[in-house]
Structure formats: structure tokens, C-alpha cells
C-alpha atoms as a PDB file:
ATOM      1  CA  MET A   1      63.234 111.502 137.800  1.00  0.00           C
ATOM      2  CA  VAL A   2      65.200 114.210 139.545  1.00  0.00           C
ATOM      3  CA  VAL A   3      67.592 113.179 142.296  1.00  0.00           C
ATOM      4  CA  SER A   4      69.363 115.590 144.602  1.00  0.00           C
ATOM      5  CA  VAL A   5      72.961 114.547 145.291  1.00  0.00           C
ATOM      6  CA  SER A   6      75.703 116.411 147.064  1.00  0.00           C
ATOM      7  CA  TYR A   7      79.006 117.009 145.327  1.00  0.00           C
ATOM      8  CA  ASP A   8      80.805 114.528 147.591  1.00  0.00           C
ATOM      9  CA  LYS A   9      78.543 111.655 146.565  1.00  0.00           C
ATOM     10  CA  LEU A  10      78.227 112.496 142.871  1.00  0.00           C
ATOM     11  CA  SER A  11      81.058 110.185 141.883  1.00  0.00           C
ATOM     12  CA  ASP A  12      79.524 107.295 143.838  1.00  0.00           C
ATOM     13  CA  GLU A  13      76.114 107.809 142.237  1.00  0.00           C
ATOM     14  CA  ILE A  14      77.611 107.911 138.740  1.00  0.00           C
ATOM     15  CA  GLN A  15      79.544 104.700 139.449  1.00  0.00           C
ATOM     16  CA  LYS A  16      76.370 103.018 140.713  1.00  0.00           C
ATOM     17  CA  GLU A  17      74.359 104.023 137.627  1.00  0.00           C
ATOM     18  CA  LEU A  18      77.111 102.862 135.279  1.00  0.00           C
ATOM     19  CA  ALA A  19      77.282  99.490 137.073  1.00  0.00           C
ATOM     20  CA  GLU A  20      73.508  99.050 136.716  1.00  0.00           C
ATOM     21  CA  TYR A  21      73.694 100.009 133.035  1.00  0.00           C
ATOM     22  CA  SER A  22      76.484  97.481 132.483  1.00  0.00           C
ATOM     23  CA  GLN A  23      74.488  94.744 134.227  1.00  0.00           C
ATOM     24  CA  ASP A  24      71.433  95.518 132.076  1.00  0.00           C
ATOM     25  CA  ILE A  25      73.521  95.188 128.935  1.00  0.00           C
ATOM     26  CA  THR A  26      75.100  91.924 130.107  1.00  0.00           C
ATOM     27  CA  ARG A  27      71.719  90.399 130.974  1.00  0.00           C
ATOM     28  CA  GLY A  28      70.267  91.490 127.648  1.00  0.00           C
ATOM     29  CA  LEU A  29      73.215  90.127 125.683  1.00  0.00           C
ATOM     30  CA  ASN A  30      73.036  86.771 127.472  1.00  0.00           C
ATOM     31  CA  GLU A  31      69.350  86.407 126.608  1.00  0.00           C
ATOM     32  CA  ALA A  32      69.890  87.524 123.016  1.00  0.00           C
ATOM     33  CA  PHE A  33      72.848  85.185 122.436  1.00  0.00           C
ATOM     34  CA  LYS A  34      70.965  82.203 123.860  1.00  0.00           C
ATOM     35  CA  ASP A  35      67.964  82.972 121.639  1.00  0.00           C
ATOM     36  CA  LEU A  36      70.206  83.356 118.586  1.00  0.00           C
ATOM     37  CA  ALA A  37      71.926  80.043 119.285  1.00  0.00           C
ATOM     38  CA  ASP A  38      68.576  78.267 119.639  1.00  0.00           C
ATOM     39  CA  GLU A  39      67.381  79.876 116.420  1.00  0.00           C
ATOM     40  CA  GLY A  40      70.572  78.742 114.668  1.00  0.00           C
ATOM     41  CA  VAL A  41      69.873  75.152 115.698  1.00  0.00           C
ATOM     42  CA  LYS A  42      66.328  75.403 114.344  1.00  0.00           C
ATOM     43  CA  THR A  43      67.684  76.787 111.077  1.00  0.00           C
ATOM     44  CA  LEU A  44      70.182  73.946 110.739  1.00  0.00           C
ATOM     45  CA  GLU A  45      67.509  71.369 111.518  1.00  0.00           C
ATOM     46  CA  THR A  46      65.075  72.685 108.922  1.00  0.00           C
ATOM     47  CA  THR A  47      67.415  73.830 106.136  1.00  0.00           C
ATOM     48  CA  LYS A  48      68.632  70.720 104.381  1.00  0.00           C
ATOM     49  CA  PRO A  49      70.446  71.272 101.078  1.00  0.00           C
ATOM     50  CA  TYR A  50      71.748  67.693 101.435  1.00  0.00           C
ATOM     51  CA  HIS A  51      69.843  64.412 101.232  1.00  0.00           C
ATOM     52  CA  ASP A  52      69.255  63.299 104.820  1.00  0.00           C
ATOM     53  CA  ARG A  53      67.582  59.928 104.357  1.00  0.00           C
ATOM     54  CA  THR A  54      66.946  59.103 108.005  1.00  0.00           C
ATOM     55  CA  GLY A  55      66.856  62.595 109.564  1.00  0.00           C
ATOM     56  CA  ARG A  56      69.344  61.562 112.261  1.00  0.00           C
ATOM     57  CA  TYR A  57      71.928  64.177 111.222  1.00  0.00           C
ATOM     58  CA  ALA A  58      69.431  67.036 111.491  1.00  0.00           C
ATOM     59  CA  LYS A  59      68.170  65.850 114.885  1.00  0.00           C
ATOM     60  CA  GLY A  60      71.685  65.892 116.345  1.00  0.00           C
ATOM     61  CA  PHE A  61      72.158  69.681 116.428  1.00  0.00           C
ATOM     62  CA  ALA A  62      72.429  71.205 119.893  1.00  0.00           C
ATOM     63  CA  VAL A  63      73.545  74.309 121.777  1.00  0.00           C
ATOM     64  CA  THR A  64      76.094  74.146 124.575  1.00  0.00           C
ATOM     65  CA  GLN A  65      77.119  77.002 126.817  1.00  0.00           C
ATOM     66  CA  ARG A  66      80.886  77.273 127.037  1.00  0.00           C
ATOM     67  CA  LYS A  67      82.259  76.759 130.536  1.00  0.00           C
ATOM     68  CA  ASN A  68      84.907  79.487 130.380  1.00  0.00           C
ATOM     69  CA  GLY A  69      83.302  81.345 127.534  1.00  0.00           C
ATOM     70  CA  THR A  70      82.608  84.821 128.757  1.00  0.00           C
ATOM     71  CA  SER A  71      83.587  87.997 127.009  1.00  0.00           C
ATOM     72  CA  ILE A  72      85.166  91.072 128.548  1.00  0.00           C
ATOM     73  CA  ALA A  73      81.704  92.482 129.142  1.00  0.00           C
ATOM     74  CA  GLY A  74      80.673  89.274 130.948  1.00  0.00           C
ATOM     75  CA  ALA A  75      78.371  87.987 128.219  1.00  0.00           C
ATOM     76  CA  GLU A  76      78.102  84.222 127.913  1.00  0.00           C
ATOM     77  CA  SER A  77      79.056  82.400 124.728  1.00  0.00           C
ATOM     78  CA  TYR A  78      77.410  79.390 123.156  1.00  0.00           C
ATOM     79  CA  THR A  79      78.499  76.683 120.724  1.00  0.00           C
ATOM     80  CA  ILE A  80      76.259  75.164 118.076  1.00  0.00           C
ATOM     81  CA  HIS A  81      77.342  71.644 117.183  1.00  0.00           C
ATOM     82  CA  ASN A  82      76.113  68.270 116.073  1.00  0.00           C
ATOM     83  CA  LYS A  83      76.425  66.099 119.142  1.00  0.00           C
ATOM     84  CA  LYS A  84      75.952  62.715 117.445  1.00  0.00           C
ATOM     85  CA  HIS A  85      77.242  63.094 113.889  1.00  0.00           C
ATOM     86  CA  TYR A  86      79.985  65.659 114.309  1.00  0.00           C
ATOM     87  CA  GLN A  87      82.292  63.710 111.992  1.00  0.00           C
ATOM     88  CA  ILE A  88      80.347  64.478 108.834  1.00  0.00           C
ATOM     89  CA  THR A  89      79.616  68.174 109.357  1.00  0.00           C
ATOM     90  CA  HIS A  90      82.919  69.224 107.801  1.00  0.00           C
ATOM     91  CA  LEU A  91      82.569  66.692 104.985  1.00  0.00           C
ATOM     92  CA  LEU A  92      79.097  67.926 104.081  1.00  0.00           C
ATOM     93  CA  GLU A  93      80.041  71.596 104.353  1.00  0.00           C
ATOM     94  CA  HIS A  94      83.215  71.419 102.246  1.00  0.00           C
ATOM     95  CA  GLY A  95      82.908  68.226 100.237  1.00  0.00           C
ATOM     96  CA  HIS A  96      85.584  65.529 100.170  1.00  0.00           C
ATOM     97  CA  LEU A  97      87.494  63.158  97.915  1.00  0.00           C
ATOM     98  CA  THR A  98      85.976  59.802  97.122  1.00  0.00           C
ATOM     99  CA  ARG A  99      87.840  56.537  96.692  1.00  0.00           C
ATOM    100  CA  LYS A 100      87.824  57.063  92.927  1.00  0.00           C
ATOM    101  CA  GLY A 101      89.554  60.419  93.290  1.00  0.00           C
ATOM    102  CA  THR A 102      86.552  62.574  92.422  1.00  0.00           C
ATOM    103  CA  ARG A 103      85.161  65.264  94.690  1.00  0.00           C
ATOM    104  CA  THR A 104      81.721  65.236  96.236  1.00  0.00           C
ATOM    105  CA  ALA A 105      79.491  68.290  96.211  1.00  0.00           C
ATOM    106  CA  ALA A 106      79.682  70.731  99.112  1.00  0.00           C
ATOM    107  CA  PHE A 107      76.443  71.585 100.912  1.00  0.00           C
ATOM    108  CA  LYS A 108      76.868  75.007 102.569  1.00  0.00           C
ATOM    109  CA  HIS A 109      74.322  74.591 105.373  1.00  0.00           C
ATOM    110  CA  TRP A 110      76.560  75.877 108.218  1.00  0.00           C
ATOM    111  CA  GLU A 111      77.776  78.905 106.301  1.00  0.00           C
ATOM    112  CA  THR A 112      74.280  80.163 105.534  1.00  0.00           C
ATOM    113  CA  ALA A 113      73.059  79.595 109.090  1.00  0.00           C
ATOM    114  CA  LEU A 114      76.048  81.382 110.636  1.00  0.00           C
ATOM    115  CA  ASP A 115      75.764  84.325 108.239  1.00  0.00           C
ATOM    116  CA  ASN A 116      72.127  84.677 109.250  1.00  0.00           C
ATOM    117  CA  ILE A 117      73.050  84.560 112.956  1.00  0.00           C
ATOM    118  CA  ASP A 118      75.764  87.205 112.456  1.00  0.00           C
ATOM    119  CA  LYS A 119      73.305  89.612 110.849  1.00  0.00           C
ATOM    120  CA  GLN A 120      70.743  89.061 113.584  1.00  0.00           C
ATOM    121  CA  ALA A 121      73.383  89.417 116.321  1.00  0.00           C
ATOM    122  CA  GLU A 122      74.292  92.921 115.165  1.00  0.00           C
ATOM    123  CA  LYS A 123      70.648  93.972 115.351  1.00  0.00           C
ATOM    124  CA  ALA A 124      70.185  92.294 118.735  1.00  0.00           C
ATOM    125  CA  ILE A 125      73.235  94.018 120.227  1.00  0.00           C
ATOM    126  CA  GLU A 126      72.058  97.417 119.011  1.00  0.00           C
ATOM    127  CA  LYS A 127      68.599  96.764 120.464  1.00  0.00           C
ATOM    128  CA  VAL A 128      70.013  95.659 123.840  1.00  0.00           C
ATOM    129  CA  VAL A 129      72.254  98.723 124.127  1.00  0.00           C
ATOM    130  CA  LYS A 130      69.421 101.108 123.198  1.00  0.00           C
ATOM    131  CA  ASN A 131      66.999  99.529 125.694  1.00  0.00           C
ATOM    132  CA  ALA A 132      69.463  99.203 128.584  1.00  0.00           C
ATOM    133  CA  GLY A 133      69.049 101.465 131.547  1.00  0.00           C
ATOM    134  CA  GLY A 134      65.330 101.874 131.255  1.00  0.00           C
END
């Protein structure tokens, strides 16, 4: 599309286009981050290297949007957590000492899920930036 702009208004038009481009990127990042957080919860719910007898621990995973969690670009941030059994997430991930003084095994379920999300986030950001602006 060819647009005819006078020299006086060139700066204003460039500013307008850059603002639209920035808004496209922010909207795309917000959608991508929300999808990644939801996918991370699904991964944590289905990947169980530990013995979850009742399934209550796996059902407790949730995504919460941070109230003041926006980046410089305006993208929202999300937290994945276990809302009901948050006390044992660290113990399962890293192991702990027992009463007898021995250590329990560590089940790296958070580490693998977060590594997977990090890899997917890089691809999602590249895709959003390439597709922004039409």
C-alpha cells in the first residue's frame, strides 16, 4: 500500500506506525505467554515422576496473572503454582531429609516443565515479532 505523506507529517506517521507495531507485539506476547502458562500447567498435571496416590497434588496446579507483573514492553506475566499443596512442591523437586537422617529422592517435575516452557517461549516470541505489523 502506497501512502502519500508530506514532509511535515512524516514524523507523525512514522510514530503512529511504530505505536501500532508495538501494540501488535504486546498483544501477541500476552496471548503467547498465557498459552504457555496454561500448557505448563497441563504438563505438570500429566507428567508425574513421583507417586501421587490420590491425584490431589496434580489437580492443584494453576496459573495466576501477576497484578503488577508487566514488562517494559507492557507484556503481562503469569505465575504457575500449586494452589492447594504448595508446601510439598519444593520437597518433591529437591528432596529432603527424613527423621532417620537419610535423604529422599528428588523428582524434577518443575525443572523439566520450565525448561520446556523456556524453549517454547523463545520460538513464540520470534513468531510474534515476525508476524507483527501485518
